[in-house]
PDB file of N, CA and C in Angstrom:
ATOM      1  N   UNK A   1      17.302  -3.454  -5.398  1.00  0.00           N
ATOM      2  CA  UNK A   1      16.591  -2.274  -4.943  1.00  0.00           C
ATOM      3  C   UNK A   1      15.480  -1.953  -5.945  1.00  0.00           C
ATOM      4  N   UNK A   2      14.311  -1.625  -5.438  1.00  0.00           N
ATOM      5  CA  UNK A   2      13.184  -1.294  -6.300  1.00  0.00           C
ATOM      6  C   UNK A   2      13.211   0.173  -6.704  1.00  0.00           C
ATOM      7  N   UNK A   3      12.720   0.427  -7.894  1.00  0.00           N
ATOM      8  CA  UNK A   3      12.559   1.800  -8.363  1.00  0.00           C
ATOM      9  C   UNK A   3      11.377   2.419  -7.613  1.00  0.00           C
ATOM     10  N   UNK A   4      11.448   3.704  -7.292  1.00  0.00           N
ATOM     11  CA  UNK A   4      10.338   4.350  -6.585  1.00  0.00           C
ATOM     12  C   UNK A   4       8.995   4.224  -7.307  1.00  0.00           C
ATOM     13  N   UNK A   5       9.003   4.210  -8.637  1.00  0.00           N
ATOM     14  CA  UNK A   5       7.745   4.071  -9.380  1.00  0.00           C
ATOM     15  C   UNK A   5       7.101   2.716  -9.102  1.00  0.00           C
ATOM     16  N   UNK A   6       7.928   1.664  -8.978  1.00  0.00           N
ATOM     17  CA  UNK A   6       7.383   0.343  -8.678  1.00  0.00           C
ATOM     18  C   UNK A   6       6.710   0.354  -7.307  1.00  0.00           C
ATOM     19  N   UNK A   7       7.359   0.978  -6.320  1.00  0.00           N
ATOM     20  CA  UNK A   7       6.763   1.080  -4.986  1.00  0.00           C
ATOM     21  C   UNK A   7       5.444   1.845  -5.036  1.00  0.00           C
ATOM     22  N   UNK A   8       5.396   2.888  -5.826  1.00  0.00           N
ATOM     23  CA  UNK A   8       4.181   3.687  -5.935  1.00  0.00           C
ATOM     24  C   UNK A   8       3.044   2.880  -6.568  1.00  0.00           C
ATOM     25  N   UNK A   9       3.328   2.146  -7.638  1.00  0.00           N
ATOM     26  CA  UNK A   9       2.304   1.333  -8.292  1.00  0.00           C
ATOM     27  C   UNK A   9       1.816   0.240  -7.346  1.00  0.00           C
ATOM     28  N   UNK A  10       2.737  -0.386  -6.609  1.00  0.00           N
ATOM     29  CA  UNK A  10       2.343  -1.391  -5.634  1.00  0.00           C
ATOM     30  C   UNK A  10       1.441  -0.776  -4.569  1.00  0.00           C
ATOM     31  N   UNK A  11       1.780   0.412  -4.108  1.00  0.00           N
ATOM     32  CA  UNK A  11       0.979   1.087  -3.093  1.00  0.00           C
ATOM     33  C   UNK A  11      -0.425   1.375  -3.614  1.00  0.00           C
ATOM     34  N   UNK A  12      -0.519   1.861  -4.839  1.00  0.00           N
ATOM     35  CA  UNK A  12      -1.822   2.208  -5.409  1.00  0.00           C
ATOM     36  C   UNK A  12      -2.688   0.969  -5.596  1.00  0.00           C
ATOM     37  N   UNK A  13      -2.131  -0.095  -6.176  1.00  0.00           N
ATOM     38  CA  UNK A  13      -2.938  -1.299  -6.396  1.00  0.00           C
ATOM     39  C   UNK A  13      -3.390  -1.921  -5.080  1.00  0.00           C
ATOM     40  N   UNK A  14      -2.513  -1.922  -4.087  1.00  0.00           N
ATOM     41  CA  UNK A  14      -2.911  -2.467  -2.790  1.00  0.00           C
ATOM     42  C   UNK A  14      -3.998  -1.614  -2.155  1.00  0.00           C
ATOM     43  N   UNK A  15      -3.893  -0.307  -2.264  1.00  0.00           N
ATOM     44  CA  UNK A  15      -4.891   0.570  -1.654  1.00  0.00           C
ATOM     45  C   UNK A  15      -6.235   0.455  -2.361  1.00  0.00           C
ATOM     46  N   UNK A  16      -6.266   0.181  -3.654  1.00  0.00           N
ATOM     47  CA  UNK A  16      -7.541  -0.031  -4.353  1.00  0.00           C
ATOM     48  C   UNK A  16      -8.260  -1.230  -3.733  1.00  0.00           C
ATOM     49  N   UNK A  17      -7.513  -2.309  -3.523  1.00  0.00           N
ATOM     50  CA  UNK A  17      -8.102  -3.495  -2.889  1.00  0.00           C
ATOM     51  C   UNK A  17      -8.587  -3.154  -1.484  1.00  0.00           C
ATOM     52  N   UNK A  18      -7.750  -2.494  -0.706  1.00  0.00           N
ATOM     53  CA  UNK A  18      -8.114  -2.135   0.669  1.00  0.00           C
ATOM     54  C   UNK A  18      -9.297  -1.172   0.690  1.00  0.00           C
ATOM     55  N   UNK A  19      -9.363  -0.261  -0.277  1.00  0.00           N
ATOM     56  CA  UNK A  19     -10.464   0.697  -0.386  1.00  0.00           C
ATOM     57  C   UNK A  19     -11.794  -0.041  -0.552  1.00  0.00           C
ATOM     58  N   UNK A  20     -11.810  -1.009  -1.443  1.00  0.00           N
ATOM     59  CA  UNK A  20     -13.037  -1.773  -1.682  1.00  0.00           C
ATOM     60  C   UNK A  20     -13.446  -2.560  -0.432  1.00  0.00           C
ATOM     61  N   UNK A  21     -12.474  -3.145   0.246  1.00  0.00           N
ATOM     62  CA  UNK A  21     -12.771  -3.887   1.472  1.00  0.00           C
ATOM     63  C   UNK A  21     -13.325  -2.949   2.537  1.00  0.00           C
ATOM     64  N   UNK A  22     -12.728  -1.778   2.688  1.00  0.00           N
ATOM     65  CA  UNK A  22     -13.204  -0.808   3.679  1.00  0.00           C
ATOM     66  C   UNK A  22     -14.640  -0.398   3.395  1.00  0.00           C
ATOM     67  N   UNK A  23     -14.937  -0.101   2.142  1.00  0.00           N
ATOM     68  CA  UNK A  23     -16.299   0.308   1.782  1.00  0.00           C
ATOM     69  C   UNK A  23     -17.300  -0.800   2.092  1.00  0.00           C
ATOM     70  N   UNK A  24     -16.952  -2.035   1.744  1.00  0.00           N
ATOM     71  CA  UNK A  24     -17.850  -3.170   1.986  1.00  0.00           C
ATOM     72  C   UNK A  24     -18.085  -3.370   3.480  1.00  0.00           C
ATOM     73  N   UNK A  25     -17.021  -3.302   4.275  1.00  0.00           N
ATOM     74  CA  UNK A  25     -17.165  -3.516   5.719  1.00  0.00           C
ATOM     75  C   UNK A  25     -17.993  -2.398   6.353  1.00  0.00           C
ATOM     76  N   UNK A  26     -17.697  -1.145   6.024  1.00  0.00           N
ATOM     77  CA  UNK A  26     -18.451  -0.026   6.612  1.00  0.00           C
ATOM     78  C   UNK A  26     -19.905  -0.078   6.167  1.00  0.00           C
ATOM     79  N   UNK A  27     -20.136  -0.417   4.915  1.00  0.00           N
ATOM     80  CA  UNK A  27     -21.527  -0.516   4.429  1.00  0.00           C
ATOM     81  C   UNK A  27     -22.274  -1.648   5.141  1.00  0.00           C
ATOM     82  N   UNK A  28     -21.604  -2.782   5.326  1.00  0.00           N
ATOM     83  CA  UNK A  28     -22.246  -3.907   6.021  1.00  0.00           C
ATOM     84  C   UNK A  28     -22.628  -3.521   7.445  1.00  0.00           C
ATOM     85  N   UNK A  29     -21.835  -2.666   8.056  1.00  0.00           N
ATOM     86  CA  UNK A  29     -22.100  -2.234   9.428  1.00  0.00           C
ATOM     87  C   UNK A  29     -23.161  -1.132   9.488  1.00  0.00           C
ATOM     88  N   UNK A  30     -23.046  -0.133   8.605  1.00  0.00           N
ATOM     89  CA  UNK A  30     -23.889   1.063   8.721  1.00  0.00           C
ATOM     90  C   UNK A  30     -25.068   1.106   7.758  1.00  0.00           C
ATOM     91  N   UNK A  31     -24.977   0.352   6.673  1.00  0.00           N
ATOM     92  CA  UNK A  31     -25.996   0.400   5.601  1.00  0.00           C
ATOM     93  C   UNK A  31     -26.160   1.815   5.027  1.00  0.00           C
ATOM     94  N   UNK A  32     -25.078   2.582   5.085  1.00  0.00           N
ATOM     95  CA  UNK A  32     -25.081   3.950   4.558  1.00  0.00           C
ATOM     96  C   UNK A  32     -23.946   4.070   3.543  1.00  0.00           C
ATOM     97  N   UNK A  33     -24.311   4.144   2.254  1.00  0.00           N
ATOM     98  CA  UNK A  33     -23.296   4.159   1.198  1.00  0.00           C
ATOM     99  C   UNK A  33     -22.455   5.433   1.240  1.00  0.00           C
ATOM    100  N   UNK A  34     -23.061   6.578   1.580  1.00  0.00           N
ATOM    101  CA  UNK A  34     -22.303   7.830   1.650  1.00  0.00           C
ATOM    102  C   UNK A  34     -21.237   7.746   2.744  1.00  0.00           C
ATOM    103  N   UNK A  35     -21.629   7.268   3.902  1.00  0.00           N
ATOM    104  CA  UNK A  35     -20.670   7.113   5.000  1.00  0.00           C
ATOM    105  C   UNK A  35     -19.562   6.123   4.604  1.00  0.00           C
ATOM    106  N   UNK A  36     -19.941   5.063   3.936  1.00  0.00           N
ATOM    107  CA  UNK A  36     -18.962   4.062   3.502  1.00  0.00           C
ATOM    108  C   UNK A  36     -17.932   4.672   2.566  1.00  0.00           C
ATOM    109  N   UNK A  37     -18.385   5.483   1.631  1.00  0.00           N
ATOM    110  CA  UNK A  37     -17.469   6.124   0.681  1.00  0.00           C
ATOM    111  C   UNK A  37     -16.572   7.150   1.366  1.00  0.00           C
ATOM    112  N   UNK A  38     -17.136   7.937   2.283  1.00  0.00           N
ATOM    113  CA  UNK A  38     -16.339   8.946   2.999  1.00  0.00           C
ATOM    114  C   UNK A  38     -15.247   8.268   3.822  1.00  0.00           C
ATOM    115  N   UNK A  39     -15.612   7.239   4.562  1.00  0.00           N
ATOM    116  CA  UNK A  39     -14.625   6.521   5.369  1.00  0.00           C
ATOM    117  C   UNK A  39     -13.583   5.874   4.464  1.00  0.00           C
ATOM    118  N   UNK A  40     -14.026   5.240   3.377  1.00  0.00           N
ATOM    119  CA  UNK A  40     -13.103   4.582   2.459  1.00  0.00           C
ATOM    120  C   UNK A  40     -12.118   5.538   1.828  1.00  0.00           C
ATOM    121  N   UNK A  41     -12.602   6.659   1.343  1.00  0.00           N
ATOM    122  CA  UNK A  41     -11.728   7.648   0.694  1.00  0.00           C
ATOM    123  C   UNK A  41     -10.765   8.268   1.708  1.00  0.00           C
ATOM    124  N   UNK A  42     -11.270   8.661   2.857  1.00  0.00           N
ATOM    125  CA  UNK A  42     -10.425   9.305   3.862  1.00  0.00           C
ATOM    126  C   UNK A  42      -9.325   8.366   4.359  1.00  0.00           C
ATOM    127  N   UNK A  43      -9.705   7.178   4.777  1.00  0.00           N
ATOM    128  CA  UNK A  43      -8.732   6.228   5.326  1.00  0.00           C
ATOM    129  C   UNK A  43      -7.680   5.857   4.287  1.00  0.00           C
ATOM    130  N   UNK A  44      -8.108   5.590   3.081  1.00  0.00           N
ATOM    131  CA  UNK A  44      -7.169   5.124   2.070  1.00  0.00           C
ATOM    132  C   UNK A  44      -6.318   6.237   1.485  1.00  0.00           C
ATOM    133  N   UNK A  45      -6.786   7.450   1.523  1.00  0.00           N
ATOM    134  CA  UNK A  45      -5.959   8.577   1.077  1.00  0.00           C
ATOM    135  C   UNK A  45      -4.758   8.747   2.000  1.00  0.00           C
ATOM    136  N   UNK A  46      -4.974   8.565   3.282  1.00  0.00           N
ATOM    137  CA  UNK A  46      -3.889   8.668   4.250  1.00  0.00           C
ATOM    138  C   UNK A  46      -2.968   7.452   4.157  1.00  0.00           C
ATOM    139  N   UNK A  47      -3.561   6.279   4.085  1.00  0.00           N
ATOM    140  CA  UNK A  47      -2.783   5.038   4.126  1.00  0.00           C
ATOM    141  C   UNK A  47      -1.902   4.828   2.904  1.00  0.00           C
ATOM    142  N   UNK A  48      -2.285   5.345   1.745  1.00  0.00           N
ATOM    143  CA  UNK A  48      -1.451   5.139   0.557  1.00  0.00           C
ATOM    144  C   UNK A  48      -0.093   5.820   0.724  1.00  0.00           C
ATOM    145  N   UNK A  49      -0.084   6.994   1.334  1.00  0.00           N
ATOM    146  CA  UNK A  49       1.184   7.690   1.559  1.00  0.00           C
ATOM    147  C   UNK A  49       2.014   6.998   2.649  1.00  0.00           C
ATOM    148  N   UNK A  50       1.350   6.492   3.662  1.00  0.00           N
ATOM    149  CA  UNK A  50       2.061   5.756   4.706  1.00  0.00           C
ATOM    150  C   UNK A  50       2.667   4.469   4.150  1.00  0.00           C
ATOM    151  N   UNK A  51       1.933   3.774   3.295  1.00  0.00           N
ATOM    152  CA  UNK A  51       2.450   2.545   2.683  1.00  0.00           C
ATOM    153  C   UNK A  51       3.655   2.841   1.797  1.00  0.00           C
ATOM    154  N   UNK A  52       3.571   3.893   0.997  1.00  0.00           N
ATOM    155  CA  UNK A  52       4.674   4.261   0.111  1.00  0.00           C
ATOM    156  C   UNK A  52       5.935   4.565   0.935  1.00  0.00           C
ATOM    157  N   UNK A  53       5.776   5.327   2.005  1.00  0.00           N
ATOM    158  CA  UNK A  53       6.920   5.644   2.866  1.00  0.00           C
ATOM    159  C   UNK A  53       7.478   4.372   3.497  1.00  0.00           C
ATOM    160  N   UNK A  54       6.616   3.495   3.930  1.00  0.00           N
ATOM    161  CA  UNK A  54       7.024   2.222   4.518  1.00  0.00           C
ATOM    162  C   UNK A  54       7.834   1.403   3.515  1.00  0.00           C
ATOM    163  N   UNK A  55       7.374   1.305   2.289  1.00  0.00           N
ATOM    164  CA  UNK A  55       8.088   0.574   1.237  1.00  0.00           C
ATOM    165  C   UNK A  55       9.475   1.173   0.986  1.00  0.00           C
ATOM    166  N   UNK A  56       9.554   2.489   0.912  1.00  0.00           N
ATOM    167  CA  UNK A  56      10.825   3.154   0.615  1.00  0.00           C
ATOM    168  C   UNK A  56      11.811   2.959   1.768  1.00  0.00           C
ATOM    169  N   UNK A  57      11.317   3.000   2.996  1.00  0.00           N
ATOM    170  CA  UNK A  57      12.202   2.773   4.145  1.00  0.00           C
ATOM    171  C   UNK A  57      12.720   1.337   4.121  1.00  0.00           C
ATOM    172  N   UNK A  58      11.839   0.367   3.915  1.00  0.00           N
ATOM    173  CA  UNK A  58      12.260  -1.029   3.877  1.00  0.00           C
ATOM    174  C   UNK A  58      13.191  -1.308   2.704  1.00  0.00           C
ATOM    175  N   UNK A  59      13.070  -0.559   1.645  1.00  0.00           N
ATOM    176  CA  UNK A  59      13.947  -0.741   0.491  1.00  0.00           C
ATOM    177  C   UNK A  59      15.393  -0.389   0.841  1.00  0.00           C
ATOM    178  N   UNK A  60      15.603   0.412   1.860  1.00  0.00           N
ATOM    179  CA  UNK A  60      16.949   0.808   2.284  1.00  0.00           C
ATOM    180  C   UNK A  60      17.545  -0.143   3.324  1.00  0.00           C
ATOM    181  N   UNK A  61      16.721  -1.008   3.886  1.00  0.00           N
ATOM    182  CA  UNK A  61      17.176  -1.924   4.930  1.00  0.00           C
ATOM    183  C   UNK A  61      17.695  -3.207   4.280  1.00  0.00           C
ATOM    184  N   UNK A  62      18.871  -3.630   4.686  1.00  0.00           N
ATOM    185  CA  UNK A  62      19.500  -4.800   4.085  1.00  0.00           C
ATOM    186  C   UNK A  62      19.018  -6.122   4.689  1.00  0.00           C
ATOM    187  N   UNK A  63      18.289  -6.079   5.777  1.00  0.00           N
ATOM    188  CA  UNK A  63      17.810  -7.274   6.456  1.00  0.00           C
ATOM    189  C   UNK A  63      17.078  -8.210   5.484  1.00  0.00           C
ATOM    190  N   UNK A  64      17.519  -9.460   5.449  1.00  0.00           N
ATOM    191  CA  UNK A  64      16.844 -10.470   4.650  1.00  0.00           C
ATOM    192  C   UNK A  64      17.180 -10.478   3.174  1.00  0.00           C
ATOM    193  N   UNK A  65      18.093  -9.645   2.747  1.00  0.00           N
ATOM    194  CA  UNK A  65      18.484  -9.596   1.340  1.00  0.00           C
ATOM    195  C   UNK A  65      19.759 -10.395   1.133  1.00  0.00           C
ATOM    196  N   UNK A  66      19.867 -11.003  -0.031  1.00  0.00           N
ATOM    197  CA  UNK A  66      21.067 -11.725  -0.399  1.00  0.00           C
ATOM    198  C   UNK A  66      21.767 -10.912  -1.476  1.00  0.00           C
ATOM    199  N   UNK A  67      22.996 -10.560  -1.196  1.00  0.00           N
ATOM    200  CA  UNK A  67      23.774  -9.771  -2.160  1.00  0.00           C
ATOM    201  C   UNK A  67      24.276 -10.679  -3.290  1.00  0.00           C
ATOM    202  N   UNK A  68      24.087 -10.262  -4.542  1.00  0.00           N
ATOM    203  CA  UNK A  68      24.637 -11.048  -5.642  1.00  0.00           C
ATOM    204  C   UNK A  68      26.170 -10.962  -5.641  1.00  0.00           C
ATOM    205  N   UNK A  69      26.845 -11.981  -6.144  1.00  0.00           N
ATOM    206  CA  UNK A  69      28.303 -11.910  -6.180  1.00  0.00           C
ATOM    207  C   UNK A  69      28.756 -10.798  -7.123  1.00  0.00           C
ATOM    208  N   UNK A  70      29.965 -10.255  -6.853  1.00  0.00           N
ATOM    209  CA  UNK A  70      30.486  -9.183  -7.689  1.00  0.00           C
ATOM    210  C   UNK A  70      30.728  -9.654  -9.107  1.00  0.00           C
ATOM    211  N   UNK A  71      31.064 -10.935  -9.239  1.00  0.00           N
ATOM    212  CA  UNK A  71      31.291 -11.489 -10.567  1.00  0.00           C
ATOM    213  C   UNK A  71      30.941 -12.973 -10.552  1.00  0.00           C
ATOM    214  N   UNK A  72      30.694 -13.508 -11.730  1.00  0.00           N
ATOM    215  CA  UNK A  72      30.432 -14.923 -11.853  1.00  0.00           C
ATOM    216  C   UNK A  72      31.297 -15.484 -12.970  1.00  0.00           C
ATOM    217  N   UNK A  73      31.718 -16.705 -12.779  1.00  0.00           N
ATOM    218  CA  UNK A  73      32.545 -17.333 -13.812  1.00  0.00           C
ATOM    219  C   UNK A  73      31.691 -18.349 -14.544  1.00  0.00           C
TER     220      UNK A  73
END
């Protein structure tokens, strides 16, 4: 199980990457840096919280996890 701080750091680093991609794509389309920044900040501010919640929910799901043995000899 991951610590909540690890999920938060993962969410932040991923959103930084996504933020830069969003700004580049919107700028390539609109050629307006202000619009690109507004869209990037707004979208990524919402998505970082959604990603964090998604990570925490998946952290509680046992699907695909292998349980370590209770003891080893």
